[in-house]
Amino acid sequence: NATGCAVTATITINSVPGAPAVATYTLTQPSCTTPTGTITINTPTGTGLTYSINGTTFQASNIFTGVAPGTYTISVRNAAGCTSTTTATLNAVPSAPAAATATVTQPTCATPTGTIVITAPTGTGLEYSINGTTFQTSTTFAGLAPNTYTITVRNSAGCTSTASV
């Protein structure tokens, strides 16, 4: 200044803000009855954090529902604008098994009951029912009274198909 005295000022530069921890999450996969899934971010959570599964639309909630099958980039952003990312994959919707085809042995004079043998689809992970509730791995239903039966095939994902015989 004009009097020859120096004026000093102290300026502090803060440290670089850190990114939030990488998200850990739980997935609810699509099912036979619900064709979309849910992504729930378990950590980190708390004040000042927002979340995105597409990198552009952030929300305060750590839960994303009605999410179509696919691979998503989960982003966590803190109040300083720093982000961390990870990926999560929601599987494709499981498909129903093929409708059953069967061979039917009709009752006769000597045998008053019939038999249904499922010929397709067959294989590991499939179960069969003729009343829609009691399932078995065997493809044979014997000792059946004359009637019309609906065969339900259920796969390991819980998806079903039906056919009448």
N, C-alpha and C. Protein backbone atom coordinates (compact mmCIF):
# COMPACT_ATOMS: atom_id res chain seq x y z
N ASN A 1 0.82 -1.18 0.00
CA ASN A 1 0.00 0.00 0.00
C ASN A 1 0.87 1.25 0.00
N ALA A 2 0.28 2.45 0.05
CA ALA A 2 1.03 3.70 -0.07
C ALA A 2 1.93 3.96 1.12
N THR A 3 1.68 3.43 2.25
CA THR A 3 2.49 3.68 3.43
C THR A 3 3.64 2.71 3.55
N GLY A 4 3.71 1.78 2.66
CA GLY A 4 4.80 0.83 2.67
C GLY A 4 4.54 -0.38 3.54
N CYS A 5 3.38 -0.46 4.08
CA CYS A 5 3.06 -1.63 4.90
C CYS A 5 2.48 -2.72 4.00
N ALA A 6 2.82 -3.92 4.31
CA ALA A 6 2.32 -5.05 3.53
C ALA A 6 1.08 -5.64 4.19
N VAL A 7 0.15 -6.00 3.39
CA VAL A 7 -1.04 -6.67 3.88
C VAL A 7 -0.99 -8.11 3.36
N THR A 8 -1.20 -9.03 4.24
CA THR A 8 -1.17 -10.43 3.82
C THR A 8 -2.53 -11.07 4.11
N ALA A 9 -2.85 -12.00 3.31
CA ALA A 9 -4.10 -12.75 3.50
C ALA A 9 -3.77 -14.23 3.43
N THR A 10 -4.46 -14.98 4.22
CA THR A 10 -4.27 -16.44 4.20
C THR A 10 -5.41 -17.05 3.41
N ILE A 11 -5.06 -17.85 2.44
CA ILE A 11 -6.05 -18.53 1.62
C ILE A 11 -5.83 -20.02 1.78
N THR A 12 -6.90 -20.72 2.07
CA THR A 12 -6.80 -22.17 2.26
C THR A 12 -7.48 -22.86 1.10
N ILE A 13 -6.78 -23.82 0.53
CA ILE A 13 -7.37 -24.66 -0.50
C ILE A 13 -7.67 -26.01 0.15
N ASN A 14 -8.92 -26.37 0.13
CA ASN A 14 -9.34 -27.61 0.77
C ASN A 14 -8.80 -28.81 0.00
N SER A 15 -8.79 -29.94 0.69
CA SER A 15 -8.33 -31.16 0.04
C SER A 15 -9.36 -31.59 -1.01
N VAL A 16 -8.91 -32.40 -1.92
CA VAL A 16 -9.76 -32.91 -2.99
C VAL A 16 -10.83 -33.81 -2.36
N PRO A 17 -12.11 -33.54 -2.67
CA PRO A 17 -13.14 -34.42 -2.10
C PRO A 17 -13.02 -35.82 -2.69
N GLY A 18 -13.31 -36.81 -1.89
CA GLY A 18 -13.22 -38.19 -2.35
C GLY A 18 -14.54 -38.68 -2.90
N ALA A 19 -14.45 -39.68 -3.73
CA ALA A 19 -15.66 -40.32 -4.27
C ALA A 19 -16.29 -41.18 -3.18
N PRO A 20 -17.60 -41.37 -3.25
CA PRO A 20 -18.23 -42.28 -2.29
C PRO A 20 -17.79 -43.72 -2.54
N ALA A 21 -18.01 -44.55 -1.57
CA ALA A 21 -17.68 -45.97 -1.74
C ALA A 21 -18.47 -46.55 -2.91
N VAL A 22 -17.91 -47.57 -3.53
CA VAL A 22 -18.59 -48.26 -4.62
C VAL A 22 -19.81 -48.98 -4.04
N ALA A 23 -20.91 -48.93 -4.74
CA ALA A 23 -22.17 -49.49 -4.25
C ALA A 23 -22.12 -51.00 -4.11
N THR A 24 -22.73 -51.48 -3.05
CA THR A 24 -23.10 -52.89 -2.95
C THR A 24 -24.61 -52.91 -3.10
N TYR A 25 -25.14 -53.96 -3.68
CA TYR A 25 -26.55 -53.96 -4.03
C TYR A 25 -27.15 -55.35 -3.95
N THR A 26 -28.48 -55.38 -3.94
CA THR A 26 -29.25 -56.61 -4.00
C THR A 26 -30.14 -56.52 -5.23
N LEU A 27 -30.22 -57.62 -5.97
CA LEU A 27 -31.07 -57.67 -7.15
C LEU A 27 -32.26 -58.58 -6.90
N THR A 28 -33.43 -58.14 -7.34
CA THR A 28 -34.59 -59.02 -7.44
C THR A 28 -34.77 -59.25 -8.92
N GLN A 29 -34.49 -60.47 -9.35
CA GLN A 29 -34.50 -60.79 -10.77
C GLN A 29 -35.93 -60.88 -11.30
N PRO A 30 -36.11 -60.62 -12.60
CA PRO A 30 -37.42 -60.84 -13.22
C PRO A 30 -37.84 -62.30 -13.04
N SER A 31 -39.14 -62.53 -13.02
CA SER A 31 -39.65 -63.89 -12.86
C SER A 31 -40.71 -64.15 -13.93
N CYS A 32 -41.27 -65.34 -13.87
CA CYS A 32 -42.32 -65.71 -14.82
C CYS A 32 -43.50 -64.78 -14.73
N THR A 33 -43.80 -64.32 -13.52
CA THR A 33 -44.97 -63.47 -13.30
C THR A 33 -44.66 -61.98 -13.26
N THR A 34 -43.41 -61.62 -13.04
CA THR A 34 -43.02 -60.21 -13.01
C THR A 34 -41.85 -60.02 -13.98
N PRO A 35 -42.10 -59.39 -15.13
CA PRO A 35 -41.07 -59.31 -16.17
C PRO A 35 -39.99 -58.25 -15.94
N THR A 36 -40.05 -57.56 -14.80
CA THR A 36 -39.03 -56.57 -14.48
C THR A 36 -38.40 -56.90 -13.14
N GLY A 37 -37.28 -56.27 -12.85
CA GLY A 37 -36.58 -56.52 -11.60
C GLY A 37 -36.44 -55.27 -10.77
N THR A 38 -35.75 -55.43 -9.65
CA THR A 38 -35.49 -54.33 -8.72
C THR A 38 -34.01 -54.32 -8.38
N ILE A 39 -33.44 -53.12 -8.33
CA ILE A 39 -32.06 -52.93 -7.87
C ILE A 39 -32.15 -52.12 -6.59
N THR A 40 -31.65 -52.68 -5.50
CA THR A 40 -31.63 -51.99 -4.21
C THR A 40 -30.18 -51.78 -3.81
N ILE A 41 -29.78 -50.53 -3.65
CA ILE A 41 -28.42 -50.22 -3.24
C ILE A 41 -28.37 -50.31 -1.72
N ASN A 42 -27.50 -51.20 -1.21
CA ASN A 42 -27.39 -51.43 0.23
C ASN A 42 -26.42 -50.46 0.88
N THR A 43 -25.27 -50.24 0.24
CA THR A 43 -24.29 -49.28 0.75
C THR A 43 -23.61 -48.62 -0.44
N PRO A 44 -23.15 -47.42 -0.34
CA PRO A 44 -23.33 -46.50 0.79
C PRO A 44 -24.71 -45.86 0.73
N THR A 45 -25.22 -45.49 1.88
CA THR A 45 -26.47 -44.74 1.96
C THR A 45 -26.27 -43.60 2.93
N GLY A 46 -27.11 -42.60 2.85
CA GLY A 46 -27.02 -41.51 3.81
C GLY A 46 -27.29 -40.16 3.18
N THR A 47 -27.23 -39.15 4.00
CA THR A 47 -27.50 -37.79 3.59
C THR A 47 -26.49 -37.33 2.56
N GLY A 48 -27.00 -36.66 1.54
CA GLY A 48 -26.13 -36.09 0.52
C GLY A 48 -25.78 -37.03 -0.62
N LEU A 49 -26.22 -38.29 -0.55
CA LEU A 49 -25.93 -39.24 -1.62
C LEU A 49 -27.14 -39.36 -2.54
N THR A 50 -26.86 -39.45 -3.84
CA THR A 50 -27.90 -39.72 -4.83
C THR A 50 -27.44 -40.89 -5.69
N TYR A 51 -28.41 -41.50 -6.39
CA TYR A 51 -28.14 -42.75 -7.10
C TYR A 51 -28.71 -42.71 -8.51
N SER A 52 -28.03 -43.43 -9.40
CA SER A 52 -28.47 -43.51 -10.79
C SER A 52 -28.15 -44.89 -11.33
N ILE A 53 -28.98 -45.35 -12.27
CA ILE A 53 -28.65 -46.60 -12.97
C ILE A 53 -28.38 -46.35 -14.44
N ASN A 54 -28.40 -45.07 -14.84
CA ASN A 54 -28.09 -44.75 -16.24
C ASN A 54 -27.04 -43.65 -16.35
N GLY A 55 -26.52 -43.18 -15.22
CA GLY A 55 -25.44 -42.19 -15.21
C GLY A 55 -25.88 -40.75 -15.39
N THR A 56 -27.15 -40.53 -15.67
CA THR A 56 -27.60 -39.15 -15.88
C THR A 56 -28.75 -38.74 -14.98
N THR A 57 -29.69 -39.63 -14.72
CA THR A 57 -30.83 -39.30 -13.89
C THR A 57 -30.57 -39.80 -12.48
N PHE A 58 -30.30 -38.87 -11.56
CA PHE A 58 -30.00 -39.24 -10.17
C PHE A 58 -31.24 -39.03 -9.31
N GLN A 59 -31.37 -39.88 -8.31
CA GLN A 59 -32.50 -39.78 -7.38
C GLN A 59 -32.01 -40.01 -5.96
N ALA A 60 -32.80 -39.53 -4.99
CA ALA A 60 -32.43 -39.70 -3.58
C ALA A 60 -32.67 -41.13 -3.11
N SER A 61 -33.66 -41.81 -3.69
CA SER A 61 -33.97 -43.18 -3.28
C SER A 61 -32.89 -44.14 -3.77
N ASN A 62 -32.58 -45.11 -2.93
CA ASN A 62 -31.60 -46.13 -3.28
C ASN A 62 -32.24 -47.38 -3.89
N ILE A 63 -33.52 -47.27 -4.26
CA ILE A 63 -34.25 -48.41 -4.82
C ILE A 63 -34.77 -48.05 -6.21
N PHE A 64 -34.50 -48.94 -7.17
CA PHE A 64 -34.99 -48.79 -8.54
C PHE A 64 -35.89 -49.97 -8.83
N THR A 65 -37.18 -49.71 -9.08
CA THR A 65 -38.14 -50.78 -9.34
C THR A 65 -38.58 -50.74 -10.80
N GLY A 66 -39.16 -51.85 -11.25
CA GLY A 66 -39.67 -51.90 -12.62
C GLY A 66 -38.58 -51.81 -13.66
N VAL A 67 -37.40 -52.34 -13.35
CA VAL A 67 -36.24 -52.23 -14.23
C VAL A 67 -36.24 -53.42 -15.21
N ALA A 68 -36.14 -53.10 -16.49
CA ALA A 68 -36.12 -54.13 -17.53
C ALA A 68 -34.83 -54.95 -17.46
N PRO A 69 -34.85 -56.19 -17.95
CA PRO A 69 -33.62 -56.98 -17.99
C PRO A 69 -32.53 -56.24 -18.76
N GLY A 70 -31.29 -56.37 -18.29
CA GLY A 70 -30.16 -55.74 -18.95
C GLY A 70 -29.05 -55.47 -17.95
N THR A 71 -27.97 -54.88 -18.46
CA THR A 71 -26.83 -54.52 -17.61
C THR A 71 -26.87 -53.02 -17.36
N TYR A 72 -26.71 -52.64 -16.11
CA TYR A 72 -26.82 -51.24 -15.69
C TYR A 72 -25.57 -50.79 -14.97
N THR A 73 -25.22 -49.52 -15.16
CA THR A 73 -24.13 -48.91 -14.42
C THR A 73 -24.75 -48.20 -13.22
N ILE A 74 -24.42 -48.67 -12.03
CA ILE A 74 -24.93 -48.06 -10.81
C ILE A 74 -23.94 -46.97 -10.40
N SER A 75 -24.44 -45.75 -10.30
CA SER A 75 -23.61 -44.62 -9.89
C SER A 75 -24.10 -44.10 -8.55
N VAL A 76 -23.13 -43.79 -7.68
CA VAL A 76 -23.41 -43.13 -6.40
C VAL A 76 -22.70 -41.79 -6.45
N ARG A 77 -23.44 -40.71 -6.19
CA ARG A 77 -22.85 -39.36 -6.24
C ARG A 77 -23.02 -38.72 -4.87
N ASN A 78 -21.93 -38.10 -4.38
CA ASN A 78 -22.01 -37.41 -3.09
C ASN A 78 -22.30 -35.93 -3.30
N ALA A 79 -22.43 -35.18 -2.20
CA ALA A 79 -22.78 -33.76 -2.26
C ALA A 79 -21.72 -32.94 -2.99
N ALA A 80 -20.47 -33.42 -3.03
CA ALA A 80 -19.40 -32.70 -3.73
C ALA A 80 -19.44 -32.97 -5.24
N GLY A 81 -20.34 -33.85 -5.68
CA GLY A 81 -20.45 -34.16 -7.10
C GLY A 81 -19.55 -35.28 -7.56
N CYS A 82 -18.86 -35.92 -6.63
CA CYS A 82 -17.99 -37.04 -6.98
C CYS A 82 -18.83 -38.31 -7.08
N THR A 83 -18.46 -39.19 -8.01
CA THR A 83 -19.23 -40.41 -8.19
C THR A 83 -18.33 -41.64 -8.17
N SER A 84 -18.96 -42.76 -7.84
CA SER A 84 -18.34 -44.07 -7.99
C SER A 84 -19.33 -44.92 -8.76
N THR A 85 -18.82 -45.91 -9.48
CA THR A 85 -19.70 -46.74 -10.30
C THR A 85 -19.36 -48.22 -10.19
N THR A 86 -20.35 -49.03 -10.48
CA THR A 86 -20.22 -50.47 -10.60
C THR A 86 -21.32 -50.93 -11.54
N THR A 87 -21.32 -52.17 -11.93
CA THR A 87 -22.35 -52.66 -12.83
C THR A 87 -23.18 -53.77 -12.18
N ALA A 88 -24.41 -53.89 -12.65
CA ALA A 88 -25.31 -54.93 -12.19
C ALA A 88 -26.10 -55.44 -13.40
N THR A 89 -26.42 -56.73 -13.39
CA THR A 89 -27.15 -57.32 -14.50
C THR A 89 -28.43 -57.97 -14.01
N LEU A 90 -29.55 -57.55 -14.60
CA LEU A 90 -30.83 -58.21 -14.38
C LEU A 90 -31.02 -59.21 -15.52
N ASN A 91 -31.28 -60.45 -15.16
CA ASN A 91 -31.40 -61.52 -16.14
C ASN A 91 -32.64 -61.36 -17.02
N ALA A 92 -32.64 -62.06 -18.13
CA ALA A 92 -33.81 -62.10 -19.00
C ALA A 92 -34.96 -62.78 -18.26
N VAL A 93 -36.16 -62.46 -18.65
CA VAL A 93 -37.34 -63.08 -18.07
C VAL A 93 -37.31 -64.57 -18.42
N PRO A 94 -37.46 -65.45 -17.41
CA PRO A 94 -37.47 -66.88 -17.74
C PRO A 94 -38.71 -67.22 -18.58
N SER A 95 -38.55 -68.19 -19.45
CA SER A 95 -39.66 -68.55 -20.33
C SER A 95 -40.40 -69.77 -19.79
N ALA A 96 -41.63 -69.88 -20.20
CA ALA A 96 -42.45 -71.03 -19.81
C ALA A 96 -42.01 -72.26 -20.60
N PRO A 97 -42.17 -73.43 -20.02
CA PRO A 97 -41.87 -74.64 -20.78
C PRO A 97 -42.91 -74.83 -21.88
N ALA A 98 -42.58 -75.67 -22.83
CA ALA A 98 -43.55 -75.99 -23.89
C ALA A 98 -44.76 -76.68 -23.27
N ALA A 99 -45.90 -76.52 -23.90
CA ALA A 99 -47.10 -77.21 -23.43
C ALA A 99 -46.91 -78.71 -23.59
N ALA A 100 -47.49 -79.46 -22.68
CA ALA A 100 -47.31 -80.91 -22.67
C ALA A 100 -48.01 -81.59 -23.84
N THR A 101 -47.35 -82.62 -24.33
CA THR A 101 -47.99 -83.59 -25.21
C THR A 101 -47.96 -84.91 -24.46
N ALA A 102 -48.98 -85.73 -24.68
CA ALA A 102 -49.07 -86.96 -23.88
C ALA A 102 -49.70 -88.08 -24.68
N THR A 103 -49.41 -89.27 -24.21
CA THR A 103 -50.06 -90.47 -24.71
C THR A 103 -51.09 -90.87 -23.66
N VAL A 104 -52.31 -91.13 -24.10
CA VAL A 104 -53.38 -91.49 -23.16
C VAL A 104 -53.79 -92.94 -23.42
N THR A 105 -53.82 -93.71 -22.35
CA THR A 105 -54.34 -95.06 -22.41
C THR A 105 -55.73 -95.00 -21.79
N GLN A 106 -56.75 -95.27 -22.60
CA GLN A 106 -58.14 -95.16 -22.16
C GLN A 106 -58.53 -96.37 -21.30
N PRO A 107 -59.54 -96.20 -20.43
CA PRO A 107 -60.05 -97.34 -19.67
C PRO A 107 -60.61 -98.40 -20.62
N THR A 108 -60.58 -99.62 -20.16
CA THR A 108 -61.13 -100.75 -20.94
C THR A 108 -62.06 -101.54 -20.04
N CYS A 109 -62.68 -102.57 -20.62
CA CYS A 109 -63.55 -103.44 -19.82
C CYS A 109 -62.76 -104.07 -18.66
N ALA A 110 -61.51 -104.41 -18.92
CA ALA A 110 -60.68 -105.07 -17.91
C ALA A 110 -60.01 -104.07 -16.96
N THR A 111 -59.77 -102.86 -17.42
CA THR A 111 -59.10 -101.84 -16.59
C THR A 111 -59.97 -100.58 -16.61
N PRO A 112 -60.67 -100.32 -15.50
CA PRO A 112 -61.62 -99.20 -15.49
C PRO A 112 -60.99 -97.81 -15.34
N THR A 113 -59.67 -97.74 -15.31
CA THR A 113 -59.00 -96.44 -15.18
C THR A 113 -58.05 -96.24 -16.34
N GLY A 114 -57.66 -95.00 -16.54
CA GLY A 114 -56.76 -94.66 -17.63
C GLY A 114 -55.41 -94.22 -17.14
N THR A 115 -54.51 -94.00 -18.09
CA THR A 115 -53.14 -93.56 -17.79
C THR A 115 -52.78 -92.44 -18.76
N ILE A 116 -52.09 -91.44 -18.23
CA ILE A 116 -51.53 -90.36 -19.05
C ILE A 116 -50.03 -90.42 -18.89
N VAL A 117 -49.32 -90.48 -20.02
CA VAL A 117 -47.85 -90.45 -20.00
C VAL A 117 -47.42 -89.22 -20.80
N ILE A 118 -46.73 -88.30 -20.14
CA ILE A 118 -46.25 -87.09 -20.82
C ILE A 118 -45.05 -87.48 -21.67
N THR A 119 -45.12 -87.15 -22.96
CA THR A 119 -44.04 -87.49 -23.88
C THR A 119 -43.13 -86.30 -24.16
N ALA A 120 -43.62 -85.09 -23.95
CA ALA A 120 -42.81 -83.88 -24.13
C ALA A 120 -43.51 -82.72 -23.43
N PRO A 121 -42.81 -81.77 -22.90
CA PRO A 121 -41.36 -81.77 -22.72
C PRO A 121 -40.98 -82.64 -21.52
N THR A 122 -39.81 -83.20 -21.58
CA THR A 122 -39.30 -84.00 -20.46
C THR A 122 -37.88 -83.56 -20.19
N GLY A 123 -37.40 -83.86 -19.00
CA GLY A 123 -36.01 -83.56 -18.69
C GLY A 123 -35.83 -83.02 -17.29
N THR A 124 -34.59 -82.76 -16.97
CA THR A 124 -34.20 -82.27 -15.65
C THR A 124 -34.85 -80.92 -15.39
N GLY A 125 -35.35 -80.75 -14.17
CA GLY A 125 -35.93 -79.47 -13.76
C GLY A 125 -37.40 -79.32 -14.08
N LEU A 126 -38.01 -80.31 -14.73
CA LEU A 126 -39.43 -80.22 -15.06
C LEU A 126 -40.26 -81.06 -14.09
N GLU A 127 -41.42 -80.53 -13.75
CA GLU A 127 -42.38 -81.24 -12.90
C GLU A 127 -43.74 -81.17 -13.58
N TYR A 128 -44.62 -82.11 -13.21
CA TYR A 128 -45.90 -82.25 -13.89
C TYR A 128 -47.03 -82.39 -12.87
N SER A 129 -48.20 -81.90 -13.27
CA SER A 129 -49.38 -81.99 -12.41
C SER A 129 -50.60 -82.18 -13.29
N ILE A 130 -51.60 -82.89 -12.75
CA ILE A 130 -52.88 -82.98 -13.45
C ILE A 130 -53.98 -82.23 -12.71
N ASN A 131 -53.63 -81.62 -11.57
CA ASN A 131 -54.61 -80.81 -10.86
C ASN A 131 -54.11 -79.38 -10.61
N GLY A 132 -52.90 -79.07 -11.09
CA GLY A 132 -52.36 -77.73 -10.96
C GLY A 132 -51.72 -77.40 -9.63
N THR A 133 -51.79 -78.31 -8.67
CA THR A 133 -51.20 -78.02 -7.36
C THR A 133 -50.23 -79.08 -6.87
N THR A 134 -50.50 -80.34 -7.15
CA THR A 134 -49.60 -81.41 -6.71
C THR A 134 -48.70 -81.78 -7.89
N PHE A 135 -47.41 -81.46 -7.74
CA PHE A 135 -46.46 -81.72 -8.83
C PHE A 135 -45.60 -82.93 -8.52
N GLN A 136 -45.18 -83.59 -9.58
CA GLN A 136 -44.29 -84.75 -9.47
C GLN A 136 -43.28 -84.72 -10.61
N THR A 137 -42.16 -85.40 -10.41
CA THR A 137 -41.15 -85.46 -11.47
C THR A 137 -41.45 -86.57 -12.47
N SER A 138 -42.26 -87.54 -12.06
CA SER A 138 -42.63 -88.63 -12.96
C SER A 138 -43.53 -88.09 -14.07
N THR A 139 -43.38 -88.66 -15.26
CA THR A 139 -44.21 -88.26 -16.41
C THR A 139 -45.46 -89.12 -16.54
N THR A 140 -45.69 -90.02 -15.59
CA THR A 140 -46.82 -90.96 -15.69
C THR A 140 -47.85 -90.69 -14.59
N PHE A 141 -49.11 -90.62 -15.01
CA PHE A 141 -50.24 -90.53 -14.09
C PHE A 141 -51.12 -91.74 -14.39
N ALA A 142 -51.20 -92.66 -13.43
CA ALA A 142 -51.95 -93.90 -13.65
C ALA A 142 -53.15 -93.95 -12.72
N GLY A 143 -54.07 -94.87 -13.01
CA GLY A 143 -55.23 -95.08 -12.16
C GLY A 143 -56.21 -93.92 -12.21
N LEU A 144 -56.33 -93.26 -13.36
CA LEU A 144 -57.17 -92.08 -13.48
C LEU A 144 -58.59 -92.45 -13.88
N ALA A 145 -59.53 -91.85 -13.17
CA ALA A 145 -60.95 -92.04 -13.51
C ALA A 145 -61.24 -91.32 -14.82
N PRO A 146 -62.22 -91.77 -15.56
CA PRO A 146 -62.58 -91.08 -16.80
C PRO A 146 -62.90 -89.61 -16.51
N ASN A 147 -62.26 -88.73 -17.25
CA ASN A 147 -62.43 -87.29 -17.04
C ASN A 147 -61.58 -86.57 -18.07
N THR A 148 -61.70 -85.25 -18.12
CA THR A 148 -60.77 -84.43 -18.90
C THR A 148 -59.76 -83.85 -17.92
N TYR A 149 -58.49 -83.98 -18.24
CA TYR A 149 -57.43 -83.53 -17.34
C TYR A 149 -56.62 -82.42 -18.00
N THR A 150 -56.18 -81.48 -17.17
CA THR A 150 -55.29 -80.42 -17.62
C THR A 150 -53.91 -80.71 -17.07
N ILE A 151 -52.95 -80.86 -17.97
CA ILE A 151 -51.58 -81.14 -17.55
C ILE A 151 -50.85 -79.81 -17.42
N THR A 152 -50.26 -79.59 -16.26
CA THR A 152 -49.44 -78.41 -16.04
C THR A 152 -47.98 -78.84 -15.97
N VAL A 153 -47.14 -78.19 -16.75
CA VAL A 153 -45.70 -78.42 -16.73
C VAL A 153 -45.07 -77.21 -16.06
N ARG A 154 -44.20 -77.46 -15.09
CA ARG A 154 -43.51 -76.38 -14.37
C ARG A 154 -42.01 -76.59 -14.48
N ASN A 155 -41.27 -75.52 -14.83
CA ASN A 155 -39.81 -75.63 -14.91
C ASN A 155 -39.17 -75.13 -13.61
N SER A 156 -37.85 -75.22 -13.54
CA SER A 156 -37.14 -74.87 -12.30
C SER A 156 -37.25 -73.39 -11.96
N ALA A 157 -37.61 -72.54 -12.92
CA ALA A 157 -37.81 -71.12 -12.65
C ALA A 157 -39.21 -70.86 -12.11
N GLY A 158 -40.07 -71.90 -12.06
CA GLY A 158 -41.43 -71.73 -11.57
C GLY A 158 -42.42 -71.34 -12.66
N CYS A 159 -41.99 -71.28 -13.90
CA CYS A 159 -42.88 -70.95 -15.01
C CYS A 159 -43.68 -72.18 -15.39
N THR A 160 -44.92 -71.97 -15.83
CA THR A 160 -45.80 -73.08 -16.15
C THR A 160 -46.43 -72.93 -17.53
N SER A 161 -46.86 -74.07 -18.06
CA SER A 161 -47.68 -74.12 -19.26
C SER A 161 -48.73 -75.20 -19.02
N THR A 162 -49.84 -75.11 -19.72
CA THR A 162 -50.91 -76.09 -19.53
C THR A 162 -51.39 -76.64 -20.87
N ALA A 163 -51.93 -77.84 -20.81
CA ALA A 163 -52.56 -78.48 -21.98
C ALA A 163 -53.62 -79.43 -21.46
N SER A 164 -54.73 -79.54 -22.17
CA SER A 164 -55.81 -80.46 -21.78
C SER A 164 -55.70 -81.75 -22.56
N VAL A 165 -55.97 -82.86 -21.87
CA VAL A 165 -56.02 -84.16 -22.53
C VAL A 165 -57.29 -84.87 -22.12
